[in-house]
Amino acid sequence: MALFKSGNPALREKVYEGTIFQDIATGQEMTIQGTMKKFGILMAMMLAATLFAWDQFQKGSDPMPLVWTGVAGVFILSIVMAMKKEWSPYLAPAYGIVLGLFTGSISAYYDYAFK
């Protein structure tokens, strides 16, 4: 019996086979402490990239290369991580960095435009 119906390929029933949802302990279950550590590291990486992009704009650089790098990077990495879940732990830092580049450059651009 399906937990829920979804057309999202990342949420297929097959994805949950062999996990705690079938009462099988794998030894890789998430803990709150581990989740918070990973969140903190990825958030710090994103914040550093955001501040870098903001600083580049304040120094007079064109923000559009960083915006498009961020957009393309987030799009590509999202698709790759959805299709190859085993690569996600290695690609997550890159995802945080390109998301930070996009966030910082677009924020600086709109701050300048609407100031």
C-alpha atoms as a PDB file:
ATOM      1  CA  MET A   1       0.000   0.000   0.000  1.00  0.00           C
ATOM      2  CA  ALA A   2       1.402   3.376  -0.991  1.00  0.00           C
ATOM      3  CA  LEU A   3       2.056   5.945   1.705  1.00  0.00           C
ATOM      4  CA  PHE A   4       0.914   8.665  -0.670  1.00  0.00           C
ATOM      5  CA  LYS A   5       0.526   9.231  -4.390  1.00  0.00           C
ATOM      6  CA  SER A   6       2.977  11.473  -6.177  1.00  0.00           C
ATOM      7  CA  GLY A   7       4.228  11.916  -9.706  1.00  0.00           C
ATOM      8  CA  ASN A   8       7.632  12.970  -8.361  1.00  0.00           C
ATOM      9  CA  PRO A   9      10.250  10.348  -9.363  1.00  0.00           C
ATOM     10  CA  ALA A  10      12.242  11.049  -6.181  1.00  0.00           C
ATOM     11  CA  LEU A  11       9.269   9.874  -4.089  1.00  0.00           C
ATOM     12  CA  ARG A  12       8.590   6.498  -5.718  1.00  0.00           C
ATOM     13  CA  GLU A  13       7.821   3.487  -3.503  1.00  0.00           C
ATOM     14  CA  LYS A  14      11.093   1.889  -4.625  1.00  0.00           C
ATOM     15  CA  VAL A  15      13.029   4.713  -2.965  1.00  0.00           C
ATOM     16  CA  TYR A  16      11.806   3.590   0.460  1.00  0.00           C
ATOM     17  CA  GLU A  17      12.660  -0.083   0.036  1.00  0.00           C
ATOM     18  CA  GLY A  18      15.144  -1.267   2.637  1.00  0.00           C
ATOM     19  CA  THR A  19      14.774   1.792   4.866  1.00  0.00           C
ATOM     20  CA  ILE A  20      13.294   2.279   8.306  1.00  0.00           C
ATOM     21  CA  PHE A  21       9.882   2.571   6.665  1.00  0.00           C
ATOM     22  CA  GLN A  22       9.987  -1.198   6.224  1.00  0.00           C
ATOM     23  CA  ASP A  23      11.282  -1.838   9.775  1.00  0.00           C
ATOM     24  CA  ILE A  24      14.794  -2.545   8.568  1.00  0.00           C
ATOM     25  CA  ALA A  25      17.522  -0.783  10.526  1.00  0.00           C
ATOM     26  CA  THR A  26      20.421   0.122   8.252  1.00  0.00           C
ATOM     27  CA  GLY A  27      22.633   1.868  10.800  1.00  0.00           C
ATOM     28  CA  GLN A  28      22.454   5.038   8.716  1.00  0.00           C
ATOM     29  CA  GLU A  29      19.310   6.546  10.220  1.00  0.00           C
ATOM     30  CA  MET A  30      19.264  10.294  10.704  1.00  0.00           C
ATOM     31  CA  THR A  31      19.801  11.810  14.142  1.00  0.00           C
ATOM     32  CA  ILE A  32      18.951  15.323  15.218  1.00  0.00           C
ATOM     33  CA  GLN A  33      22.577  15.999  16.126  1.00  0.00           C
ATOM     34  CA  GLY A  34      23.882  14.774  12.755  1.00  0.00           C
ATOM     35  CA  THR A  35      21.230  16.723  10.887  1.00  0.00           C
ATOM     36  CA  MET A  36      22.060  19.933  12.739  1.00  0.00           C
ATOM     37  CA  LYS A  37      25.795  19.490  12.097  1.00  0.00           C
ATOM     38  CA  LYS A  38      25.258  19.011   8.375  1.00  0.00           C
ATOM     39  CA  PHE A  39      22.810  21.909   8.262  1.00  0.00           C
ATOM     40  CA  GLY A  40      25.308  24.166  10.044  1.00  0.00           C
ATOM     41  CA  ILE A  41      28.148  23.295   7.680  1.00  0.00           C
ATOM     42  CA  LEU A  42      26.036  23.752   4.549  1.00  0.00           C
ATOM     43  CA  MET A  43      24.525  26.991   5.881  1.00  0.00           C
ATOM     44  CA  ALA A  44      28.003  28.366   6.629  1.00  0.00           C
ATOM     45  CA  MET A  45      29.143  27.510   3.100  1.00  0.00           C
ATOM     46  CA  MET A  46      26.077  29.157   1.600  1.00  0.00           C
ATOM     47  CA  LEU A  47      26.523  32.245   3.777  1.00  0.00           C
ATOM     48  CA  ALA A  48      30.186  32.548   2.789  1.00  0.00           C
ATOM     49  CA  ALA A  49      29.293  32.346  -0.918  1.00  0.00           C
ATOM     50  CA  THR A  50      26.460  34.849  -0.402  1.00  0.00           C
ATOM     51  CA  LEU A  51      28.777  37.324   1.283  1.00  0.00           C
ATOM     52  CA  PHE A  52      31.377  36.830  -1.450  1.00  0.00           C
ATOM     53  CA  ALA A  53      28.834  37.547  -4.199  1.00  0.00           C
ATOM     54  CA  TRP A  54      27.468  40.577  -2.339  1.00  0.00           C
ATOM     55  CA  ASP A  55      31.002  41.914  -1.829  1.00  0.00           C
ATOM     56  CA  GLN A  56      31.846  41.460  -5.511  1.00  0.00           C
ATOM     57  CA  PHE A  57      28.801  43.500  -6.479  1.00  0.00           C
ATOM     58  CA  GLN A  58      29.705  46.220  -3.986  1.00  0.00           C
ATOM     59  CA  LYS A  59      33.179  46.398  -5.532  1.00  0.00           C
ATOM     60  CA  GLY A  60      31.588  47.118  -8.917  1.00  0.00           C
ATOM     61  CA  SER A  61      31.497  43.694 -10.571  1.00  0.00           C
ATOM     62  CA  ASP A  62      28.661  42.695 -12.848  1.00  0.00           C
ATOM     63  CA  PRO A  63      26.367  40.333 -10.869  1.00  0.00           C
ATOM     64  CA  MET A  64      24.911  38.510 -13.873  1.00  0.00           C
ATOM     65  CA  PRO A  65      27.700  35.909 -14.291  1.00  0.00           C
ATOM     66  CA  LEU A  66      27.231  34.884 -10.656  1.00  0.00           C
ATOM     67  CA  VAL A  67      23.433  34.865 -11.029  1.00  0.00           C
ATOM     68  CA  TRP A  68      23.569  32.571 -14.066  1.00  0.00           C
ATOM     69  CA  THR A  69      26.244  30.383 -12.466  1.00  0.00           C
ATOM     70  CA  GLY A  70      23.958  30.005  -9.470  1.00  0.00           C
ATOM     71  CA  VAL A  71      20.842  29.308 -11.543  1.00  0.00           C
ATOM     72  CA  ALA A  72      22.551  26.732 -13.759  1.00  0.00           C
ATOM     73  CA  GLY A  73      24.405  25.144 -10.843  1.00  0.00           C
ATOM     74  CA  VAL A  74      21.316  24.784  -8.685  1.00  0.00           C
ATOM     75  CA  PHE A  75      19.296  23.369 -11.584  1.00  0.00           C
ATOM     76  CA  ILE A  76      21.929  20.842 -12.652  1.00  0.00           C
ATOM     77  CA  LEU A  77      22.865  19.762  -9.139  1.00  0.00           C
ATOM     78  CA  SER A  78      19.203  19.376  -8.157  1.00  0.00           C
ATOM     79  CA  ILE A  79      18.585  17.023 -11.048  1.00  0.00           C
ATOM     80  CA  VAL A  80      21.766  15.028 -10.448  1.00  0.00           C
ATOM     81  CA  MET A  81      21.096  14.687  -6.709  1.00  0.00           C
ATOM     82  CA  ALA A  82      17.508  13.598  -7.346  1.00  0.00           C
ATOM     83  CA  MET A  83      18.593  10.920  -9.800  1.00  0.00           C
ATOM     84  CA  LYS A  84      21.777   9.745  -8.062  1.00  0.00           C
ATOM     85  CA  LYS A  85      21.012   9.882  -4.345  1.00  0.00           C
ATOM     86  CA  GLU A  86      24.307   8.244  -3.418  1.00  0.00           C
ATOM     87  CA  TRP A  87      26.146  11.290  -4.816  1.00  0.00           C
ATOM     88  CA  SER A  88      24.167  13.757  -2.701  1.00  0.00           C
ATOM     89  CA  PRO A  89      26.532  13.857   0.306  1.00  0.00           C
ATOM     90  CA  TYR A  90      29.372  14.851  -2.010  1.00  0.00           C
ATOM     91  CA  LEU A  91      27.401  17.342  -4.116  1.00  0.00           C
ATOM     92  CA  ALA A  92      25.619  19.074  -1.230  1.00  0.00           C
ATOM     93  CA  PRO A  93      28.530  21.471  -0.502  1.00  0.00           C
ATOM     94  CA  ALA A  94      28.661  22.513  -4.169  1.00  0.00           C
ATOM     95  CA  TYR A  95      24.888  23.019  -4.094  1.00  0.00           C
ATOM     96  CA  GLY A  96      25.217  25.270  -1.039  1.00  0.00           C
ATOM     97  CA  ILE A  97      27.934  27.325  -2.706  1.00  0.00           C
ATOM     98  CA  VAL A  98      26.107  27.891  -6.003  1.00  0.00           C
ATOM     99  CA  LEU A  99      22.903  28.683  -4.122  1.00  0.00           C
ATOM    100  CA  GLY A 100      24.869  31.231  -2.101  1.00  0.00           C
ATOM    101  CA  LEU A 101      26.291  32.798  -5.260  1.00  0.00           C
ATOM    102  CA  PHE A 102      22.791  33.180  -6.671  1.00  0.00           C
ATOM    103  CA  THR A 103      21.315  34.486  -3.414  1.00  0.00           C
ATOM    104  CA  GLY A 104      24.079  37.011  -2.781  1.00  0.00           C
ATOM    105  CA  SER A 105      24.261  38.404  -6.290  1.00  0.00           C
ATOM    106  CA  ILE A 106      20.515  38.689  -6.834  1.00  0.00           C
ATOM    107  CA  SER A 107      20.037  40.219  -3.376  1.00  0.00           C
ATOM    108  CA  ALA A 108      22.751  42.800  -3.996  1.00  0.00           C
ATOM    109  CA  TYR A 109      21.274  43.600  -7.396  1.00  0.00           C
ATOM    110  CA  TYR A 110      17.765  44.174  -6.018  1.00  0.00           C
ATOM    111  CA  ASP A 111      19.138  46.116  -3.056  1.00  0.00           C
ATOM    112  CA  TYR A 112      20.868  48.470  -5.472  1.00  0.00           C
ATOM    113  CA  ALA A 113      17.875  48.673  -7.834  1.00  0.00           C
ATOM    114  CA  PHE A 114      15.288  49.513  -5.169  1.00  0.00           C
ATOM    115  CA  LYS A 115      17.356  51.583  -2.766  1.00  0.00           C
END
